[in-house]
Amino acid sequence: MKILFTVSNAYRIAGGAAITCATLAKNLEKSYGHKCRLLTKAACPRDENIAGVSFRSYSDLEDLKSK
C-alpha cells in the first residue's frame, strides 16, 4: 500500500510534524511493507531522506501537479 503524508508550509522539511510523520512512516514500512512519502510546501523544491523515508517538497500546487 502507498501512503501519502502532507505537511503544509514547512520551510525546513525536518520540522516537528515531519519528524512525527517520518517516525510513523518508518514503522509502517518496517512492520507492514507499505511505501510512504511525505509532501510539503517549501520555498524551493527538494528531496530529502529522513530515517529511511523519502521526503519531497514542492514550491506550489502547479509544481506538484507537474511531477
PDB file of N, CA and C in Angstrom:
ATOM      1  N   MET A   1       0.847  -1.168   0.000  1.00  0.00           N
ATOM      2  CA  MET A   1       0.000   0.000   0.000  1.00  0.00           C
ATOM      3  C   MET A   1       0.897   1.236   0.000  1.00  0.00           C
ATOM      4  N   LYS A   2       0.491   2.251  -0.742  1.00  0.00           N
ATOM      5  CA  LYS A   2       1.200   3.520  -0.746  1.00  0.00           C
ATOM      6  C   LYS A   2       0.480   4.485   0.177  1.00  0.00           C
ATOM      7  N   ILE A   3       1.232   5.173   1.023  1.00  0.00           N
ATOM      8  CA  ILE A   3       0.663   6.118   1.980  1.00  0.00           C
ATOM      9  C   ILE A   3       1.322   7.470   1.760  1.00  0.00           C
ATOM     10  N   LEU A   4       0.503   8.506   1.670  1.00  0.00           N
ATOM     11  CA  LEU A   4       0.970   9.862   1.430  1.00  0.00           C
ATOM     12  C   LEU A   4       0.684  10.722   2.655  1.00  0.00           C
ATOM     13  N   PHE A   5       1.722  11.340   3.188  1.00  0.00           N
ATOM     14  CA  PHE A   5       1.578  12.293   4.290  1.00  0.00           C
ATOM     15  C   PHE A   5       1.759  13.687   3.711  1.00  0.00           C
ATOM     16  N   THR A   6       1.054  14.675   4.255  1.00  0.00           N
ATOM     17  CA  THR A   6       1.257  16.062   3.844  1.00  0.00           C
ATOM     18  C   THR A   6       1.416  16.949   5.069  1.00  0.00           C
ATOM     19  N   VAL A   7       2.321  17.907   4.961  1.00  0.00           N
ATOM     20  CA  VAL A   7       2.528  18.922   5.993  1.00  0.00           C
ATOM     21  C   VAL A   7       2.590  20.249   5.254  1.00  0.00           C
ATOM     22  N   SER A   8       1.758  21.209   5.635  1.00  0.00           N
ATOM     23  CA  SER A   8       1.718  22.475   4.897  1.00  0.00           C
ATOM     24  C   SER A   8       2.725  23.485   5.444  1.00  0.00           C
ATOM     25  N   ASN A   9       3.225  24.298   4.538  1.00  0.00           N
ATOM     26  CA  ASN A   9       4.074  25.445   4.853  1.00  0.00           C
ATOM     27  C   ASN A   9       5.278  25.132   5.726  1.00  0.00           C
ATOM     28  N   ALA A  10       5.970  24.065   5.441  1.00  0.00           N
ATOM     29  CA  ALA A  10       7.196  23.744   6.171  1.00  0.00           C
ATOM     30  C   ALA A  10       8.377  24.317   5.403  1.00  0.00           C
ATOM     31  N   TYR A  11       9.074  25.280   5.979  1.00  0.00           N
ATOM     32  CA  TYR A  11      10.229  25.840   5.283  1.00  0.00           C
ATOM     33  C   TYR A  11      11.375  24.845   5.299  1.00  0.00           C
ATOM     34  N   ARG A  12      11.694  24.319   6.462  1.00  0.00           N
ATOM     35  CA  ARG A  12      12.713  23.280   6.594  1.00  0.00           C
ATOM     36  C   ARG A  12      11.973  21.973   6.756  1.00  0.00           C
ATOM     37  N   ILE A  13      12.258  21.010   5.921  1.00  0.00           N
ATOM     38  CA  ILE A  13      11.484  19.771   5.907  1.00  0.00           C
ATOM     39  C   ILE A  13      11.536  19.044   7.251  1.00  0.00           C
ATOM     40  N   ALA A  14      12.660  19.065   7.929  1.00  0.00           N
ATOM     41  CA  ALA A  14      12.796  18.281   9.153  1.00  0.00           C
ATOM     42  C   ALA A  14      12.273  19.012  10.389  1.00  0.00           C
ATOM     43  N   GLY A  15      11.054  19.540  10.316  1.00  0.00           N
ATOM     44  CA  GLY A  15      10.419  20.164  11.470  1.00  0.00           C
ATOM     45  C   GLY A  15       9.709  19.115  12.315  1.00  0.00           C
ATOM     46  N   GLY A  16       9.037  19.540  13.365  1.00  0.00           N
ATOM     47  CA  GLY A  16       8.385  18.612  14.288  1.00  0.00           C
ATOM     48  C   GLY A  16       7.347  17.717  13.632  1.00  0.00           C
ATOM     49  N   ALA A  17       6.487  18.294  12.780  1.00  0.00           N
ATOM     50  CA  ALA A  17       5.461  17.486  12.113  1.00  0.00           C
ATOM     51  C   ALA A  17       6.097  16.484  11.154  1.00  0.00           C
ATOM     52  N   ALA A  18       7.138  16.898  10.456  1.00  0.00           N
ATOM     53  CA  ALA A  18       7.812  15.998   9.521  1.00  0.00           C
ATOM     54  C   ALA A  18       8.510  14.852  10.258  1.00  0.00           C
ATOM     55  N   ILE A  19       9.086  15.143  11.407  1.00  0.00           N
ATOM     56  CA  ILE A  19       9.749  14.095  12.198  1.00  0.00           C
ATOM     57  C   ILE A  19       8.719  13.087  12.706  1.00  0.00           C
ATOM     58  N   THR A  20       7.555  13.579  13.144  1.00  0.00           N
ATOM     59  CA  THR A  20       6.481  12.687  13.579  1.00  0.00           C
ATOM     60  C   THR A  20       6.029  11.791  12.426  1.00  0.00           C
ATOM     61  N   CYS A  21       5.836  12.387  11.249  1.00  0.00           N
ATOM     62  CA  CYS A  21       5.444  11.605  10.066  1.00  0.00           C
ATOM     63  C   CYS A  21       6.520  10.590   9.708  1.00  0.00           C
ATOM     64  N   ALA A  22       7.779  10.991   9.802  1.00  0.00           N
ATOM     65  CA  ALA A  22       8.882  10.072   9.469  1.00  0.00           C
ATOM     66  C   ALA A  22       8.891   8.870  10.389  1.00  0.00           C
ATOM     67  N   THR A  23       8.657   9.104  11.675  1.00  0.00           N
ATOM     68  CA  THR A  23       8.629   8.004  12.644  1.00  0.00           C
ATOM     69  C   THR A  23       7.490   7.038  12.335  1.00  0.00           C
ATOM     70  N   LEU A  24       6.308   7.589  12.089  1.00  0.00           N
ATOM     71  CA  LEU A  24       5.157   6.754  11.755  1.00  0.00           C
ATOM     72  C   LEU A  24       5.383   6.011  10.438  1.00  0.00           C
ATOM     73  N   ALA A  25       5.873   6.737   9.425  1.00  0.00           N
ATOM     74  CA  ALA A  25       6.107   6.120   8.121  1.00  0.00           C
ATOM     75  C   ALA A  25       7.145   5.001   8.198  1.00  0.00           C
ATOM     76  N   LYS A  26       8.212   5.227   8.954  1.00  0.00           N
ATOM     77  CA  LYS A  26       9.251   4.208   9.104  1.00  0.00           C
ATOM     78  C   LYS A  26       8.668   2.940   9.728  1.00  0.00           C
ATOM     79  N   ASN A  27       7.838   3.115  10.749  1.00  0.00           N
ATOM     80  CA  ASN A  27       7.213   1.957  11.389  1.00  0.00           C
ATOM     81  C   ASN A  27       6.239   1.240  10.456  1.00  0.00           C
ATOM     82  N   LEU A  28       5.478   1.991   9.658  1.00  0.00           N
ATOM     83  CA  LEU A  28       4.555   1.374   8.693  1.00  0.00           C
ATOM     84  C   LEU A  28       5.318   0.610   7.612  1.00  0.00           C
ATOM     85  N   GLU A  29       6.436   1.173   7.148  1.00  0.00           N
ATOM     86  CA  GLU A  29       7.244   0.487   6.133  1.00  0.00           C
ATOM     87  C   GLU A  29       7.876  -0.784   6.702  1.00  0.00           C
ATOM     88  N   LYS A  30       8.417  -0.669   7.916  1.00  0.00           N
ATOM     89  CA  LYS A  30       9.099  -1.807   8.537  1.00  0.00           C
ATOM     90  C   LYS A  30       8.117  -2.922   8.932  1.00  0.00           C
ATOM     91  N   SER A  31       7.007  -2.553   9.534  1.00  0.00           N
ATOM     92  CA  SER A  31       6.073  -3.554  10.060  1.00  0.00           C
ATOM     93  C   SER A  31       5.148  -4.147   9.007  1.00  0.00           C
ATOM     94  N   TYR A  32       4.741  -3.326   8.038  1.00  0.00           N
ATOM     95  CA  TYR A  32       3.715  -3.774   7.095  1.00  0.00           C
ATOM     96  C   TYR A  32       4.131  -3.731   5.630  1.00  0.00           C
ATOM     97  N   GLY A  33       5.330  -3.216   5.345  1.00  0.00           N
ATOM     98  CA  GLY A  33       5.812  -3.172   3.972  1.00  0.00           C
ATOM     99  C   GLY A  33       5.176  -2.087   3.114  1.00  0.00           C
ATOM    100  N   HIS A  34       4.542  -1.100   3.751  1.00  0.00           N
ATOM    101  CA  HIS A  34       3.943  -0.001   2.994  1.00  0.00           C
ATOM    102  C   HIS A  34       5.028   0.901   2.423  1.00  0.00           C
ATOM    103  N   LYS A  35       4.716   1.597   1.339  1.00  0.00           N
ATOM    104  CA  LYS A  35       5.619   2.596   0.767  1.00  0.00           C
ATOM    105  C   LYS A  35       5.073   3.960   1.152  1.00  0.00           C
ATOM    106  N   CYS A  36       5.846   4.725   1.908  1.00  0.00           N
ATOM    107  CA  CYS A  36       5.378   6.009   2.426  1.00  0.00           C
ATOM    108  C   CYS A  36       6.135   7.168   1.795  1.00  0.00           C
ATOM    109  N   ARG A  37       5.445   8.287   1.655  1.00  0.00           N
ATOM    110  CA  ARG A  37       6.021   9.501   1.067  1.00  0.00           C
ATOM    111  C   ARG A  37       5.408  10.696   1.766  1.00  0.00           C
ATOM    112  N   LEU A  38       6.208  11.719   2.058  1.00  0.00           N
ATOM    113  CA  LEU A  38       5.709  12.936   2.656  1.00  0.00           C
ATOM    114  C   LEU A  38       5.892  14.078   1.666  1.00  0.00           C
ATOM    115  N   LEU A  39       4.847  14.855   1.457  1.00  0.00           N
ATOM    116  CA  LEU A  39       4.894  16.026   0.598  1.00  0.00           C
ATOM    117  C   LEU A  39       4.669  17.263   1.452  1.00  0.00           C
ATOM    118  N   THR A  40       5.394  18.318   1.159  1.00  0.00           N
ATOM    119  CA  THR A  40       5.221  19.564   1.881  1.00  0.00           C
ATOM    120  C   THR A  40       5.505  20.740   0.958  1.00  0.00           C
ATOM    121  N   LYS A  41       4.905  21.875   1.267  1.00  0.00           N
ATOM    122  CA  LYS A  41       5.182  23.092   0.513  1.00  0.00           C
ATOM    123  C   LYS A  41       6.412  23.751   1.132  1.00  0.00           C
ATOM    124  N   ALA A  42       7.335  24.167   0.297  1.00  0.00           N
ATOM    125  CA  ALA A  42       8.553  24.818   0.778  1.00  0.00           C
ATOM    126  C   ALA A  42       8.962  25.886  -0.227  1.00  0.00           C
ATOM    127  N   ALA A  43       9.916  26.706   0.169  1.00  0.00           N
ATOM    128  CA  ALA A  43      10.356  27.802  -0.695  1.00  0.00           C
ATOM    129  C   ALA A  43      10.957  27.310  -2.010  1.00  0.00           C
ATOM    130  N   CYS A  44      11.599  26.161  -1.967  1.00  0.00           N
ATOM    131  CA  CYS A  44      12.177  25.601  -3.192  1.00  0.00           C
ATOM    132  C   CYS A  44      12.010  24.079  -3.159  1.00  0.00           C
ATOM    133  N   PRO A  45      11.813  23.460  -4.325  1.00  0.00           N
ATOM    134  CA  PRO A  45      11.675  22.003  -4.368  1.00  0.00           C
ATOM    135  C   PRO A  45      12.944  21.312  -3.894  1.00  0.00           C
ATOM    136  N   ARG A  46      12.792  20.244  -3.142  1.00  0.00           N
ATOM    137  CA  ARG A  46      13.960  19.482  -2.690  1.00  0.00           C
ATOM    138  C   ARG A  46      13.538  18.083  -2.280  1.00  0.00           C
ATOM    139  N   ASP A  47      14.480  17.174  -2.329  1.00  0.00           N
ATOM    140  CA  ASP A  47      14.285  15.800  -1.866  1.00  0.00           C
ATOM    141  C   ASP A  47      15.162  15.578  -0.649  1.00  0.00           C
ATOM    142  N   GLU A  48      14.653  14.887   0.336  1.00  0.00           N
ATOM    143  CA  GLU A  48      15.434  14.501   1.498  1.00  0.00           C
ATOM    144  C   GLU A  48      15.058  13.084   1.886  1.00  0.00           C
ATOM    145  N   ASN A  49      15.900  12.471   2.663  1.00  0.00           N
ATOM    146  CA  ASN A  49      15.639  11.146   3.195  1.00  0.00           C
ATOM    147  C   ASN A  49      15.895  11.219   4.689  1.00  0.00           C
ATOM    148  N   ILE A  50      14.847  11.059   5.475  1.00  0.00           N
ATOM    149  CA  ILE A  50      14.958  11.126   6.926  1.00  0.00           C
ATOM    150  C   ILE A  50      14.502   9.800   7.496  1.00  0.00           C
ATOM    151  N   ALA A  51      15.366   9.177   8.248  1.00  0.00           N
ATOM    152  CA  ALA A  51      15.053   7.888   8.872  1.00  0.00           C
ATOM    153  C   ALA A  51      14.623   6.846   7.842  1.00  0.00           C
ATOM    154  N   GLY A  52      15.187   6.929   6.640  1.00  0.00           N
ATOM    155  CA  GLY A  52      14.870   5.946   5.612  1.00  0.00           C
ATOM    156  C   GLY A  52      13.576   6.201   4.874  1.00  0.00           C
ATOM    157  N   VAL A  53      12.938   7.358   5.101  1.00  0.00           N
ATOM    158  CA  VAL A  53      11.681   7.693   4.446  1.00  0.00           C
ATOM    159  C   VAL A  53      11.931   8.858   3.488  1.00  0.00           C
ATOM    160  N   SER A  54      11.419   8.766   2.264  1.00  0.00           N
ATOM    161  CA  SER A  54      11.601   9.817   1.265  1.00  0.00           C
ATOM    162  C   SER A  54      10.690  11.001   1.546  1.00  0.00           C
ATOM    163  N   PHE A  55      11.249  12.197   1.481  1.00  0.00           N
ATOM    164  CA  PHE A  55      10.503  13.427   1.651  1.00  0.00           C
ATOM    165  C   PHE A  55      10.710  14.289   0.416  1.00  0.00           C
ATOM    166  N   ARG A  56       9.655  14.899  -0.078  1.00  0.00           N
ATOM    167  CA  ARG A  56       9.741  15.758  -1.265  1.00  0.00           C
ATOM    168  C   ARG A  56       8.957  17.031  -0.994  1.00  0.00           C
ATOM    169  N   SER A  57       9.583  18.166  -1.220  1.00  0.00           N
ATOM    170  CA  SER A  57       8.859  19.434  -1.088  1.00  0.00           C
ATOM    171  C   SER A  57       8.604  20.008  -2.472  1.00  0.00           C
ATOM    172  N   TYR A  58       7.532  20.744  -2.581  1.00  0.00           N
ATOM    173  CA  TYR A  58       7.135  21.390  -3.829  1.00  0.00           C
ATOM    174  C   TYR A  58       6.915  22.873  -3.560  1.00  0.00           C
ATOM    175  N   SER A  59       7.237  23.711  -4.534  1.00  0.00           N
ATOM    176  CA  SER A  59       7.104  25.153  -4.332  1.00  0.00           C
ATOM    177  C   SER A  59       5.655  25.623  -4.394  1.00  0.00           C
ATOM    178  N   ASP A  60       4.813  24.921  -5.156  1.00  0.00           N
ATOM    179  CA  ASP A  60       3.394  25.278  -5.237  1.00  0.00           C
ATOM    180  C   ASP A  60       2.607  24.112  -5.839  1.00  0.00           C
ATOM    181  N   LEU A  61       1.301  24.273  -5.929  1.00  0.00           N
ATOM    182  CA  LEU A  61       0.441  23.199  -6.419  1.00  0.00           C
ATOM    183  C   LEU A  61       0.754  22.858  -7.878  1.00  0.00           C
ATOM    184  N   GLU A  62       1.079  23.841  -8.688  1.00  0.00           N
ATOM    185  CA  GLU A  62       1.412  23.584 -10.090  1.00  0.00           C
ATOM    186  C   GLU A  62       2.682  22.736 -10.207  1.00  0.00           C
ATOM    187  N   ASP A  63       3.663  22.998  -9.343  1.00  0.00           N
ATOM    188  CA  ASP A  63       4.888  22.193  -9.319  1.00  0.00           C
ATOM    189  C   ASP A  63       4.549  20.753  -8.955  1.00  0.00           C
ATOM    190  N   LEU A  64       3.680  20.560  -7.970  1.00  0.00           N
ATOM    191  CA  LEU A  64       3.264  19.214  -7.569  1.00  0.00           C
ATOM    192  C   LEU A  64       2.550  18.486  -8.700  1.00  0.00           C
ATOM    193  N   LYS A  65       1.643  19.177  -9.386  1.00  0.00           N
ATOM    194  CA  LYS A  65       0.895  18.559 -10.480  1.00  0.00           C
ATOM    195  C   LYS A  65       1.796  18.169 -11.653  1.00  0.00           C
ATOM    196  N   SER A  66       2.883  18.900 -11.839  1.00  0.00           N
ATOM    197  CA  SER A  66       3.765  18.627 -12.972  1.00  0.00           C
ATOM    198  C   SER A  66       4.638  17.399 -12.755  1.00  0.00           C
ATOM    199  N   LYS A  67       4.715  16.877 -11.555  1.00  0.00           N
ATOM    200  CA  LYS A  67       5.587  15.728 -11.253  1.00  0.00           C
ATOM    201  C   LYS A  67       4.906  14.424 -11.505  1.00  0.00           C
TER     202      LYS A  67
END
